[in-house]
Amino acid sequence: MRPLLYCILIVLLSPLATAQVYPARPIRYIVPFPAGGTPDIIGRLVAQRLSRSWGQQVVVDNRAGAGSLIGAEIAVRANPDGHTLFQCNNATNAIAAAMYKKLSFDTLKDFSPISRIGSTASALIVHPAVPIQSIADLINHAKINPGKLNYGTGGAGTGPHLAMELFKLMSKIDIVHIAYKGSAPALADLIGGHIPASMSNVPALVAPVLSGKIRALAVTGAKRSTQLPLVPTMIESGLIGYDVTSWFGVCAPAKTSDNILNFIHHDLTAVLNTADVQQRLNDIIIDVSPTSRAEFAEFIRFETARWIKVVKDARIQQY
């Protein structure tokens, strides 16, 4: 009887034991994008607050390159002991599987999702001189003039590009993509009147929309942007079920123990649910939305399947 009691106590106390020894040293928090951008701002805020919670330094490691794949490759090869975390995102953990024929890692099998941090929508925008006032106007114009309307994004295979291609599939229209080397040049050309339309993430669009330099027809998320409250959603504009955002979360290398993952999840979601963190993320137009581990894993599977289908149906060139 006594050996059985010992076994039960070991099982019950194992999460506590894990919590007592983790983290045992500084944690590397890989952000697969350059310093200074929105992903980096998110990562540094999360890392700072986890450092306070754990009494161990959480160090942001910016590993940009290859469309976020360099940082991902480093993360999946790290020791799965919880001391390397990865800021997963829609580009790396969903779109990459659709856009690349061969990857050095499996976006679903080689990561352990912990929680989503939050997301931000994009917006479909036009130059003010374009005689299009709504999504319905755009669809009607494109159907009357198939293949004659252009739109620009920050590059082929980016979130805004695939969001626009999904819009085209759902509305059954033919408009031509112009891929720029970055969202800033695409936005500059739209403001300058060199292209009539574009799709881009909302944070970069608030100022030019409010100043009248561009016109926003719709945002891509399920609800309106608090910074652009007069701009309807795609769903309100007639595209039922259209809900696309750029999202961020925290993942660990596959085979990280459940005890460690649960420990990180508990403290990460506690950080994300504090009022000051939510306010700081809302200030950079991130809608905070922590999840359970299972919910985040299912969300990533859904996103991956969706973009694989869009790339196939839209006949987008893979790399």
C-alpha atoms as a PDB file:
ATOM      1  CA  MET A   1       0.000   0.000   0.000  1.00  0.00           C
ATOM      2  CA  ARG A   2       2.801   2.379   0.935  1.00  0.00           C
ATOM      3  CA  PRO A   3       4.609   2.120  -2.497  1.00  0.00           C
ATOM      4  CA  LEU A   4       1.302   2.919  -4.213  1.00  0.00           C
ATOM      5  CA  LEU A   5       0.885   6.004  -2.001  1.00  0.00           C
ATOM      6  CA  TYR A   6       4.395   7.153  -2.909  1.00  0.00           C
ATOM      7  CA  CYS A   7       3.599   6.815  -6.621  1.00  0.00           C
ATOM      8  CA  ILE A   8       0.422   8.853  -6.240  1.00  0.00           C
ATOM      9  CA  LEU A   9       2.291  11.592  -4.373  1.00  0.00           C
ATOM     10  CA  ILE A  10       4.979  11.720  -7.068  1.00  0.00           C
ATOM     11  CA  VAL A  11       2.342  12.172  -9.794  1.00  0.00           C
ATOM     12  CA  LEU A  12       0.512  14.866  -7.832  1.00  0.00           C
ATOM     13  CA  LEU A  13       3.640  16.788  -6.917  1.00  0.00           C
ATOM     14  CA  SER A  14       5.443  16.581 -10.271  1.00  0.00           C
ATOM     15  CA  PRO A  15       3.991  19.845 -11.667  1.00  0.00           C
ATOM     16  CA  LEU A  16       5.031  21.581  -8.420  1.00  0.00           C
ATOM     17  CA  ALA A  17       8.496  20.112  -8.707  1.00  0.00           C
ATOM     18  CA  THR A  18       8.738  21.341 -12.296  1.00  0.00           C
ATOM     19  CA  ALA A  19       7.633  24.814 -11.235  1.00  0.00           C
ATOM     20  CA  GLN A  20      10.303  24.870  -8.555  1.00  0.00           C
ATOM     21  CA  VAL A  21      13.159  24.101 -10.958  1.00  0.00           C
ATOM     22  CA  TYR A  22      11.913  25.989 -14.028  1.00  0.00           C
ATOM     23  CA  PRO A  23      13.228  28.305 -15.236  1.00  0.00           C
ATOM     24  CA  ALA A  24      16.688  27.325 -14.086  1.00  0.00           C
ATOM     25  CA  ARG A  25      18.523  29.914 -16.197  1.00  0.00           C
ATOM     26  CA  PRO A  26      17.750  32.797 -18.618  1.00  0.00           C
ATOM     27  CA  ILE A  27      15.223  32.047 -21.361  1.00  0.00           C
ATOM     28  CA  ARG A  28      15.815  32.855 -25.017  1.00  0.00           C
ATOM     29  CA  TYR A  29      12.682  34.318 -26.650  1.00  0.00           C
ATOM     30  CA  ILE A  30      13.105  34.170 -30.424  1.00  0.00           C
ATOM     31  CA  VAL A  31      11.321  36.814 -32.502  1.00  0.00           C
ATOM     32  CA  PRO A  32      11.779  35.946 -36.207  1.00  0.00           C
ATOM     33  CA  PHE A  33      11.552  39.586 -37.331  1.00  0.00           C
ATOM     34  CA  PRO A  34      13.829  42.648 -37.066  1.00  0.00           C
ATOM     35  CA  ALA A  35      14.017  44.882 -34.005  1.00  0.00           C
ATOM     36  CA  GLY A  36      11.706  47.877 -33.922  1.00  0.00           C
ATOM     37  CA  GLY A  37       8.626  46.489 -35.673  1.00  0.00           C
ATOM     38  CA  THR A  38       5.315  45.417 -34.167  1.00  0.00           C
ATOM     39  CA  PRO A  39       6.386  41.773 -33.552  1.00  0.00           C
ATOM     40  CA  ASP A  40       9.482  42.998 -31.720  1.00  0.00           C
ATOM     41  CA  ILE A  41       7.470  45.426 -29.567  1.00  0.00           C
ATOM     42  CA  ILE A  42       5.107  42.602 -28.610  1.00  0.00           C
ATOM     43  CA  GLY A  43       7.967  40.234 -27.857  1.00  0.00           C
ATOM     44  CA  ARG A  44       9.836  42.703 -25.654  1.00  0.00           C
ATOM     45  CA  LEU A  45       6.736  43.505 -23.628  1.00  0.00           C
ATOM     46  CA  VAL A  46       5.947  39.811 -23.067  1.00  0.00           C
ATOM     47  CA  ALA A  47       9.580  39.008 -22.269  1.00  0.00           C
ATOM     48  CA  GLN A  48       9.831  41.877 -19.788  1.00  0.00           C
ATOM     49  CA  ARG A  49       6.719  40.801 -17.899  1.00  0.00           C
ATOM     50  CA  LEU A  50       7.675  37.109 -17.832  1.00  0.00           C
ATOM     51  CA  SER A  51      11.097  38.123 -16.487  1.00  0.00           C
ATOM     52  CA  ARG A  52       9.343  39.816 -13.578  1.00  0.00           C
ATOM     53  CA  SER A  53       7.152  36.782 -12.943  1.00  0.00           C
ATOM     54  CA  TRP A  54       9.955  34.243 -13.065  1.00  0.00           C
ATOM     55  CA  GLY A  55      12.882  36.093 -11.540  1.00  0.00           C
ATOM     56  CA  GLN A  56      14.906  35.024 -14.549  1.00  0.00           C
ATOM     57  CA  GLN A  57      15.848  37.124 -17.534  1.00  0.00           C
ATOM     58  CA  VAL A  58      13.845  36.450 -20.697  1.00  0.00           C
ATOM     59  CA  VAL A  59      16.059  37.677 -23.524  1.00  0.00           C
ATOM     60  CA  VAL A  60      14.570  38.657 -26.895  1.00  0.00           C
ATOM     61  CA  ASP A  61      16.626  37.213 -29.733  1.00  0.00           C
ATOM     62  CA  ASN A  62      15.732  38.829 -33.088  1.00  0.00           C
ATOM     63  CA  ARG A  63      16.471  36.259 -35.793  1.00  0.00           C
ATOM     64  CA  ALA A  64      15.082  37.834 -38.954  1.00  0.00           C
ATOM     65  CA  GLY A  65      15.485  36.500 -42.473  1.00  0.00           C
ATOM     66  CA  ALA A  66      13.973  34.179 -45.076  1.00  0.00           C
ATOM     67  CA  GLY A  67      10.493  35.427 -44.329  1.00  0.00           C
ATOM     68  CA  SER A  68      10.771  34.466 -40.622  1.00  0.00           C
ATOM     69  CA  LEU A  69      12.025  30.934 -41.356  1.00  0.00           C
ATOM     70  CA  ILE A  70      15.544  31.435 -39.968  1.00  0.00           C
ATOM     71  CA  GLY A  71      14.226  32.100 -36.474  1.00  0.00           C
ATOM     72  CA  ALA A  72      11.829  29.162 -36.738  1.00  0.00           C
ATOM     73  CA  GLU A  73      14.617  26.768 -37.727  1.00  0.00           C
ATOM     74  CA  ILE A  74      16.681  27.835 -34.732  1.00  0.00           C
ATOM     75  CA  ALA A  75      13.701  27.338 -32.422  1.00  0.00           C
ATOM     76  CA  VAL A  76      12.752  23.846 -33.579  1.00  0.00           C
ATOM     77  CA  ARG A  77      16.343  22.649 -33.172  1.00  0.00           C
ATOM     78  CA  ALA A  78      16.645  23.991 -29.621  1.00  0.00           C
ATOM     79  CA  ASN A  79      16.667  21.752 -26.565  1.00  0.00           C
ATOM     80  CA  PRO A  80      12.983  21.215 -25.607  1.00  0.00           C
ATOM     81  CA  ASP A  81      13.520  22.139 -21.968  1.00  0.00           C
ATOM     82  CA  GLY A  82      11.469  25.346 -21.950  1.00  0.00           C
ATOM     83  CA  HIS A  83      14.472  27.655 -22.051  1.00  0.00           C
ATOM     84  CA  THR A  84      13.895  28.532 -25.717  1.00  0.00           C
ATOM     85  CA  LEU A  85      10.551  30.057 -26.674  1.00  0.00           C
ATOM     86  CA  PHE A  86       9.414  31.154 -30.112  1.00  0.00           C
ATOM     87  CA  GLN A  87       7.029  33.972 -30.975  1.00  0.00           C
ATOM     88  CA  CYS A  88       4.935  32.043 -33.448  1.00  0.00           C
ATOM     89  CA  ASN A  89       2.829  33.916 -35.987  1.00  0.00           C
ATOM     90  CA  ASN A  90       0.642  33.482 -39.052  1.00  0.00           C
ATOM     91  CA  ALA A  91       3.532  33.921 -41.507  1.00  0.00           C
ATOM     92  CA  THR A  92       5.728  31.225 -39.970  1.00  0.00           C
ATOM     93  CA  ASN A  93       3.232  28.810 -38.502  1.00  0.00           C
ATOM     94  CA  ALA A  94       0.472  28.806 -41.125  1.00  0.00           C
ATOM     95  CA  ILE A  95       1.328  30.574 -44.387  1.00  0.00           C
ATOM     96  CA  ALA A  96       4.802  29.029 -44.750  1.00  0.00           C
ATOM     97  CA  ALA A  97       3.287  25.566 -45.081  1.00  0.00           C
ATOM     98  CA  ALA A  98       1.171  26.861 -47.969  1.00  0.00           C
ATOM     99  CA  MET A  99       3.811  28.906 -49.765  1.00  0.00           C
ATOM    100  CA  TYR A 100       6.847  26.609 -49.579  1.00  0.00           C
ATOM    101  CA  LYS A 101       7.024  23.231 -51.290  1.00  0.00           C
ATOM    102  CA  LYS A 102       9.764  22.078 -48.938  1.00  0.00           C
ATOM    103  CA  LEU A 103      10.615  23.304 -45.466  1.00  0.00           C
ATOM    104  CA  SER A 104      13.368  22.112 -43.169  1.00  0.00           C
ATOM    105  CA  PHE A 105      10.787  21.697 -40.398  1.00  0.00           C
ATOM    106  CA  ASP A 106       7.118  20.781 -40.008  1.00  0.00           C
ATOM    107  CA  THR A 107       5.117  23.828 -38.947  1.00  0.00           C
ATOM    108  CA  LEU A 108       2.561  21.661 -37.124  1.00  0.00           C
ATOM    109  CA  LYS A 109       4.655  18.835 -35.695  1.00  0.00           C
ATOM    110  CA  ASP A 110       7.816  20.663 -34.659  1.00  0.00           C
ATOM    111  CA  PHE A 111       6.213  23.241 -32.349  1.00  0.00           C
ATOM    112  CA  SER A 112       4.233  22.980 -29.120  1.00  0.00           C
ATOM    113  CA  PRO A 113       1.689  25.837 -29.120  1.00  0.00           C
ATOM    114  CA  ILE A 114       1.284  27.509 -25.727  1.00  0.00           C
ATOM    115  CA  SER A 115      -1.079  30.469 -26.209  1.00  0.00           C
ATOM    116  CA  ARG A 116      -2.051  33.119 -28.680  1.00  0.00           C
ATOM    117  CA  ILE A 117      -1.043  36.629 -27.653  1.00  0.00           C
ATOM    118  CA  GLY A 118      -3.289  38.619 -29.966  1.00  0.00           C
ATOM    119  CA  SER A 119      -3.955  39.745 -33.495  1.00  0.00           C
ATOM    120  CA  THR A 120      -4.395  42.727 -35.782  1.00  0.00           C
ATOM    121  CA  ALA A 121      -6.552  43.073 -38.866  1.00  0.00           C
ATOM    122  CA  SER A 122      -5.716  44.372 -42.318  1.00  0.00           C
ATOM    123  CA  ALA A 123      -7.781  46.765 -44.394  1.00  0.00           C
ATOM    124  CA  LEU A 124      -8.647  46.977 -48.074  1.00  0.00           C
ATOM    125  CA  ILE A 125      -7.797  50.526 -49.113  1.00  0.00           C
ATOM    126  CA  VAL A 126      -8.073  52.643 -52.254  1.00  0.00           C
ATOM    127  CA  HIS A 127      -6.778  56.010 -53.449  1.00  0.00           C
ATOM    128  CA  PRO A 128      -9.352  58.777 -52.805  1.00  0.00           C
ATOM    129  CA  ALA A 129      -9.544  59.567 -56.535  1.00  0.00           C
ATOM    130  CA  VAL A 130     -10.792  56.056 -57.300  1.00  0.00           C
ATOM    131  CA  PRO A 131     -14.607  56.167 -57.695  1.00  0.00           C
ATOM    132  CA  ILE A 132     -15.134  53.220 -55.322  1.00  0.00           C
ATOM    133  CA  GLN A 133     -16.792  53.858 -51.973  1.00  0.00           C
ATOM    134  CA  SER A 134     -17.496  50.369 -50.672  1.00  0.00           C
ATOM    135  CA  ILE A 135     -16.706  46.677 -51.054  1.00  0.00           C
ATOM    136  CA  ALA A 136     -19.857  46.299 -53.140  1.00  0.00           C
ATOM    137  CA  ASP A 137     -18.615  49.063 -55.470  1.00  0.00           C
ATOM    138  CA  LEU A 138     -15.238  47.340 -55.794  1.00  0.00           C
ATOM    139  CA  ILE A 139     -16.794  43.976 -56.606  1.00  0.00           C
ATOM    140  CA  ASN A 140     -19.121  45.490 -59.179  1.00  0.00           C
ATOM    141  CA  HIS A 141     -16.294  47.481 -60.782  1.00  0.00           C
ATOM    142  CA  ALA A 142     -14.044  44.416 -60.952  1.00  0.00           C
ATOM    143  CA  LYS A 143     -16.766  42.259 -62.506  1.00  0.00           C
ATOM    144  CA  ILE A 144     -17.424  44.852 -65.197  1.00  0.00           C
ATOM    145  CA  ASN A 145     -13.667  45.262 -65.793  1.00  0.00           C
ATOM    146  CA  PRO A 146     -12.093  41.830 -65.166  1.00  0.00           C
ATOM    147  CA  GLY A 147      -8.298  41.854 -64.959  1.00  0.00           C
ATOM    148  CA  LYS A 148      -8.042  45.638 -65.316  1.00  0.00           C
ATOM    149  CA  LEU A 149      -7.830  46.681 -61.665  1.00  0.00           C
ATOM    150  CA  ASN A 150      -4.509  46.327 -59.802  1.00  0.00           C
ATOM    151  CA  TYR A 151      -3.769  46.093 -56.102  1.00  0.00           C
ATOM    152  CA  GLY A 152      -0.454  46.144 -54.264  1.00  0.00           C
ATOM    153  CA  THR A 153       0.833  44.469 -51.110  1.00  0.00           C
ATOM    154  CA  GLY A 154       4.135  44.184 -49.292  1.00  0.00           C
ATOM    155  CA  GLY A 155       5.029  40.994 -51.149  1.00  0.00           C
ATOM    156  CA  ALA A 156       3.892  37.671 -52.557  1.00  0.00           C
ATOM    157  CA  GLY A 157       2.862  35.214 -49.886  1.00  0.00           C
ATOM    158  CA  THR A 158       2.441  37.831 -47.176  1.00  0.00           C
ATOM    159  CA  GLY A 159      -0.616  37.869 -44.955  1.00  0.00           C
ATOM    160  CA  PRO A 160      -2.254  40.826 -46.752  1.00  0.00           C
ATOM    161  CA  HIS A 161      -1.614  39.188 -50.147  1.00  0.00           C
ATOM    162  CA  LEU A 162      -3.347  35.960 -49.127  1.00  0.00           C
ATOM    163  CA  ALA A 163      -6.113  37.911 -47.392  1.00  0.00           C
ATOM    164  CA  MET A 164      -6.773  39.689 -50.689  1.00  0.00           C
ATOM    165  CA  GLU A 165      -6.668  36.440 -52.643  1.00  0.00           C
ATOM    166  CA  LEU A 166      -9.250  34.961 -50.274  1.00  0.00           C
ATOM    167  CA  PHE A 167     -11.397  38.048 -50.871  1.00  0.00           C
ATOM    168  CA  LYS A 168     -11.069  37.535 -54.634  1.00  0.00           C
ATOM    169  CA  LEU A 169     -12.070  33.860 -54.350  1.00  0.00           C
ATOM    170  CA  MET A 170     -15.081  34.603 -52.177  1.00  0.00           C
ATOM    171  CA  SER A 171     -16.296  37.498 -54.337  1.00  0.00           C
ATOM    172  CA  LYS A 172     -15.405  35.767 -57.638  1.00  0.00           C
ATOM    173  CA  ILE A 173     -13.520  38.720 -59.109  1.00  0.00           C
ATOM    174  CA  ASP A 174     -10.326  39.064 -61.133  1.00  0.00           C
ATOM    175  CA  ILE A 175      -7.927  41.814 -60.044  1.00  0.00           C
ATOM    176  CA  VAL A 176      -4.167  41.754 -60.498  1.00  0.00           C
ATOM    177  CA  HIS A 177      -1.605  41.577 -57.683  1.00  0.00           C
ATOM    178  CA  ILE A 178       1.504  43.791 -57.692  1.00  0.00           C
ATOM    179  CA  ALA A 179       4.088  42.541 -55.196  1.00  0.00           C
ATOM    180  CA  TYR A 180       6.285  45.203 -53.587  1.00  0.00           C
ATOM    181  CA  LYS A 181       9.383  44.691 -51.483  1.00  0.00           C
ATOM    182  CA  GLY A 182       7.696  45.727 -48.281  1.00  0.00           C
ATOM    183  CA  SER A 183       4.407  47.268 -47.202  1.00  0.00           C
ATOM    184  CA  ALA A 184       5.829  50.811 -46.926  1.00  0.00           C
ATOM    185  CA  PRO A 185       6.605  51.148 -50.678  1.00  0.00           C
ATOM    186  CA  ALA A 186       3.193  49.734 -51.548  1.00  0.00           C
ATOM    187  CA  LEU A 187       1.470  52.240 -49.280  1.00  0.00           C
ATOM    188  CA  ALA A 188       3.600  55.087 -50.671  1.00  0.00           C
ATOM    189  CA  ASP A 189       2.603  54.183 -54.225  1.00  0.00           C
ATOM    190  CA  LEU A 190      -1.061  54.036 -53.240  1.00  0.00           C
ATOM    191  CA  ILE A 191      -0.906  57.457 -51.597  1.00  0.00           C
ATOM    192  CA  GLY A 192       0.921  58.762 -54.668  1.00  0.00           C
ATOM    193  CA  GLY A 193      -1.807  57.467 -56.959  1.00  0.00           C
ATOM    194  CA  HIS A 194       0.430  54.965 -58.772  1.00  0.00           C
ATOM    195  CA  ILE A 195      -1.823  52.020 -57.842  1.00  0.00           C
ATOM    196  CA  PRO A 196      -5.562  52.201 -57.180  1.00  0.00           C
ATOM    197  CA  ALA A 197      -5.896  49.700 -54.324  1.00  0.00           C
ATOM    198  CA  SER A 198      -3.976  47.824 -51.652  1.00  0.00           C
ATOM    199  CA  MET A 199      -4.306  45.538 -48.653  1.00  0.00           C
ATOM    200  CA  SER A 200      -2.188  46.262 -45.581  1.00  0.00           C
ATOM    201  CA  ASN A 201      -2.183  45.829 -41.810  1.00  0.00           C
ATOM    202  CA  VAL A 202      -4.277  48.391 -39.945  1.00  0.00           C
ATOM    203  CA  PRO A 203      -1.543  49.828 -37.652  1.00  0.00           C
ATOM    204  CA  ALA A 204       0.211  51.468 -40.615  1.00  0.00           C
ATOM    205  CA  LEU A 205      -3.041  52.812 -42.065  1.00  0.00           C
ATOM    206  CA  VAL A 206      -4.671  54.731 -39.225  1.00  0.00           C
ATOM    207  CA  ALA A 207      -2.922  58.060 -39.837  1.00  0.00           C
ATOM    208  CA  PRO A 208      -3.305  58.151 -43.662  1.00  0.00           C
ATOM    209  CA  VAL A 209      -6.961  57.055 -43.418  1.00  0.00           C
ATOM    210  CA  LEU A 210      -7.840  59.673 -40.813  1.00  0.00           C
ATOM    211  CA  SER A 211      -6.002  62.378 -42.796  1.00  0.00           C
ATOM    212  CA  GLY A 212      -7.891  61.462 -45.994  1.00  0.00           C
ATOM    213  CA  LYS A 213      -4.813  60.364 -47.940  1.00  0.00           C
ATOM    214  CA  ILE A 214      -6.399  56.952 -48.508  1.00  0.00           C
ATOM    215  CA  ARG A 215      -9.895  55.503 -48.199  1.00  0.00           C
ATOM    216  CA  ALA A 216     -10.505  52.305 -46.231  1.00  0.00           C
ATOM    217  CA  LEU A 217     -13.321  50.164 -47.623  1.00  0.00           C
ATOM    218  CA  ALA A 218     -13.316  47.404 -45.011  1.00  0.00           C
ATOM    219  CA  VAL A 219     -11.248  45.762 -42.295  1.00  0.00           C
ATOM    220  CA  THR A 220     -10.586  42.045 -42.451  1.00  0.00           C
ATOM    221  CA  GLY A 221     -11.262  41.030 -38.842  1.00  0.00           C
ATOM    222  CA  ALA A 222     -14.553  39.865 -37.383  1.00  0.00           C
ATOM    223  CA  LYS A 223     -15.086  43.171 -35.595  1.00  0.00           C
ATOM    224  CA  ARG A 224     -14.394  46.813 -36.389  1.00  0.00           C
ATOM    225  CA  SER A 225     -11.101  48.418 -35.462  1.00  0.00           C
ATOM    226  CA  THR A 226     -11.322  50.710 -32.440  1.00  0.00           C
ATOM    227  CA  GLN A 227      -8.979  53.110 -34.263  1.00  0.00           C
ATOM    228  CA  LEU A 228     -11.115  53.104 -37.425  1.00  0.00           C
ATOM    229  CA  PRO A 229     -14.635  52.662 -36.015  1.00  0.00           C
ATOM    230  CA  LEU A 230     -16.418  54.003 -39.098  1.00  0.00           C
ATOM    231  CA  VAL A 231     -14.849  51.389 -41.397  1.00  0.00           C
ATOM    232  CA  PRO A 232     -17.061  48.278 -41.747  1.00  0.00           C
ATOM    233  CA  THR A 233     -15.816  44.711 -41.617  1.00  0.00           C
ATOM    234  CA  MET A 234     -15.760  42.430 -44.639  1.00  0.00           C
ATOM    235  CA  ILE A 235     -18.575  40.462 -42.998  1.00  0.00           C
ATOM    236  CA  GLU A 236     -20.696  43.607 -42.670  1.00  0.00           C
ATOM    237  CA  SER A 237     -19.895  44.323 -46.316  1.00  0.00           C
ATOM    238  CA  GLY A 238     -21.455  41.059 -47.445  1.00  0.00           C
ATOM    239  CA  LEU A 239     -18.625  38.487 -47.247  1.00  0.00           C
ATOM    240  CA  ILE A 240     -20.130  36.160 -44.663  1.00  0.00           C
ATOM    241  CA  GLY A 241     -17.497  34.216 -42.737  1.00  0.00           C
ATOM    242  CA  TYR A 242     -14.551  36.369 -43.833  1.00  0.00           C
ATOM    243  CA  ASP A 243     -12.291  36.790 -40.801  1.00  0.00           C
ATOM    244  CA  VAL A 244      -8.554  37.254 -41.416  1.00  0.00           C
ATOM    245  CA  THR A 245      -5.949  38.681 -39.059  1.00  0.00           C
ATOM    246  CA  SER A 246      -2.219  38.688 -38.546  1.00  0.00           C
ATOM    247  CA  TRP A 247      -1.690  36.938 -35.221  1.00  0.00           C
ATOM    248  CA  PHE A 248       1.075  36.292 -32.714  1.00  0.00           C
ATOM    249  CA  GLY A 249       1.550  33.709 -29.997  1.00  0.00           C
ATOM    250  CA  VAL A 250       4.109  31.764 -28.013  1.00  0.00           C
ATOM    251  CA  CYS A 251       5.312  28.285 -28.931  1.00  0.00           C
ATOM    252  CA  ALA A 252       8.023  25.980 -27.650  1.00  0.00           C
ATOM    253  CA  PRO A 253       9.996  23.282 -29.454  1.00  0.00           C
ATOM    254  CA  ALA A 254       8.112  20.007 -29.832  1.00  0.00           C
ATOM    255  CA  LYS A 255       8.644  17.447 -27.047  1.00  0.00           C
ATOM    256  CA  THR A 256       8.768  20.118 -24.360  1.00  0.00           C
ATOM    257  CA  SER A 257       7.163  18.501 -21.306  1.00  0.00           C
ATOM    258  CA  ASP A 258       3.513  19.184 -20.489  1.00  0.00           C
ATOM    259  CA  ASN A 259       4.474  20.312 -16.988  1.00  0.00           C
ATOM    260  CA  ILE A 260       6.716  23.050 -18.368  1.00  0.00           C
ATOM    261  CA  LEU A 261       4.212  24.025 -21.073  1.00  0.00           C
ATOM    262  CA  ASN A 262       1.431  24.292 -18.494  1.00  0.00           C
ATOM    263  CA  PHE A 263       3.665  26.350 -16.208  1.00  0.00           C
ATOM    264  CA  ILE A 264       4.518  28.776 -19.032  1.00  0.00           C
ATOM    265  CA  HIS A 265       0.876  28.918 -20.147  1.00  0.00           C
ATOM    266  CA  HIS A 266      -0.309  29.816 -16.661  1.00  0.00           C
ATOM    267  CA  ASP A 267       2.120  32.706 -16.257  1.00  0.00           C
ATOM    268  CA  LEU A 268       1.890  33.907 -19.872  1.00  0.00           C
ATOM    269  CA  THR A 269      -1.909  34.170 -19.799  1.00  0.00           C
ATOM    270  CA  ALA A 270      -1.729  35.871 -16.403  1.00  0.00           C
ATOM    271  CA  VAL A 271       0.562  38.490 -17.948  1.00  0.00           C
ATOM    272  CA  LEU A 272      -1.709  38.927 -20.972  1.00  0.00           C
ATOM    273  CA  ASN A 273      -4.761  39.397 -18.754  1.00  0.00           C
ATOM    274  CA  THR A 274      -3.282  42.329 -16.822  1.00  0.00           C
ATOM    275  CA  ALA A 275      -4.821  45.701 -17.623  1.00  0.00           C
ATOM    276  CA  ASP A 276      -1.542  47.511 -18.339  1.00  0.00           C
ATOM    277  CA  VAL A 277      -0.297  44.869 -20.795  1.00  0.00           C
ATOM    278  CA  GLN A 278      -3.641  44.865 -22.589  1.00  0.00           C
ATOM    279  CA  GLN A 279      -3.566  48.659 -22.810  1.00  0.00           C
ATOM    280  CA  ARG A 280      -0.026  48.731 -24.180  1.00  0.00           C
ATOM    281  CA  LEU A 281      -0.884  46.135 -26.814  1.00  0.00           C
ATOM    282  CA  ASN A 282      -4.127  47.920 -27.685  1.00  0.00           C
ATOM    283  CA  ASP A 283      -2.096  51.082 -28.187  1.00  0.00           C
ATOM    284  CA  ILE A 284      -0.256  49.371 -31.059  1.00  0.00           C
ATOM    285  CA  ILE A 285      -3.575  47.990 -32.342  1.00  0.00           C
ATOM    286  CA  ILE A 286      -3.198  44.435 -31.100  1.00  0.00           C
ATOM    287  CA  ASP A 287      -6.411  42.763 -29.970  1.00  0.00           C
ATOM    288  CA  VAL A 288      -5.297  40.635 -27.004  1.00  0.00           C
ATOM    289  CA  SER A 289      -6.792  37.129 -27.115  1.00  0.00           C
ATOM    290  CA  PRO A 290      -5.033  34.479 -24.992  1.00  0.00           C
ATOM    291  CA  THR A 291      -6.159  30.895 -25.458  1.00  0.00           C
ATOM    292  CA  SER A 292      -5.794  27.471 -23.916  1.00  0.00           C
ATOM    293  CA  ARG A 293      -3.024  25.283 -25.327  1.00  0.00           C
ATOM    294  CA  ALA A 294      -5.562  23.075 -27.109  1.00  0.00           C
ATOM    295  CA  GLU A 295      -7.435  26.055 -28.573  1.00  0.00           C
ATOM    296  CA  PHE A 296      -4.246  27.566 -29.937  1.00  0.00           C
ATOM    297  CA  ALA A 297      -3.156  24.267 -31.493  1.00  0.00           C
ATOM    298  CA  GLU A 298      -6.535  23.883 -33.186  1.00  0.00           C
ATOM    299  CA  PHE A 299      -6.451  27.489 -34.379  1.00  0.00           C
ATOM    300  CA  ILE A 300      -3.053  26.942 -36.015  1.00  0.00           C
ATOM    301  CA  ARG A 301      -4.318  23.771 -37.726  1.00  0.00           C
ATOM    302  CA  PHE A 302      -7.313  25.709 -39.076  1.00  0.00           C
ATOM    303  CA  GLU A 303      -5.155  28.594 -40.310  1.00  0.00           C
ATOM    304  CA  THR A 304      -2.713  26.230 -42.005  1.00  0.00           C
ATOM    305  CA  ALA A 305      -5.455  24.317 -43.808  1.00  0.00           C
ATOM    306  CA  ARG A 306      -7.159  27.537 -44.891  1.00  0.00           C
ATOM    307  CA  TRP A 307      -4.057  29.070 -46.476  1.00  0.00           C
ATOM    308  CA  ILE A 308      -3.028  25.825 -48.161  1.00  0.00           C
ATOM    309  CA  LYS A 309      -6.445  25.805 -49.836  1.00  0.00           C
ATOM    310  CA  VAL A 310      -6.274  29.497 -50.813  1.00  0.00           C
ATOM    311  CA  VAL A 311      -2.820  29.094 -52.372  1.00  0.00           C
ATOM    312  CA  LYS A 312      -4.038  26.055 -54.324  1.00  0.00           C
ATOM    313  CA  ASP A 313      -7.365  27.550 -55.433  1.00  0.00           C
ATOM    314  CA  ALA A 314      -5.839  30.908 -56.389  1.00  0.00           C
ATOM    315  CA  ARG A 315      -2.956  29.159 -58.157  1.00  0.00           C
ATOM    316  CA  ILE A 316      -0.374  31.213 -56.304  1.00  0.00           C
ATOM    317  CA  GLN A 317       3.207  30.306 -57.156  1.00  0.00           C
ATOM    318  CA  GLN A 318       4.970  28.371 -54.419  1.00  0.00           C
ATOM    319  CA  TYR A 319       8.656  28.597 -53.584  1.00  0.00           C
END
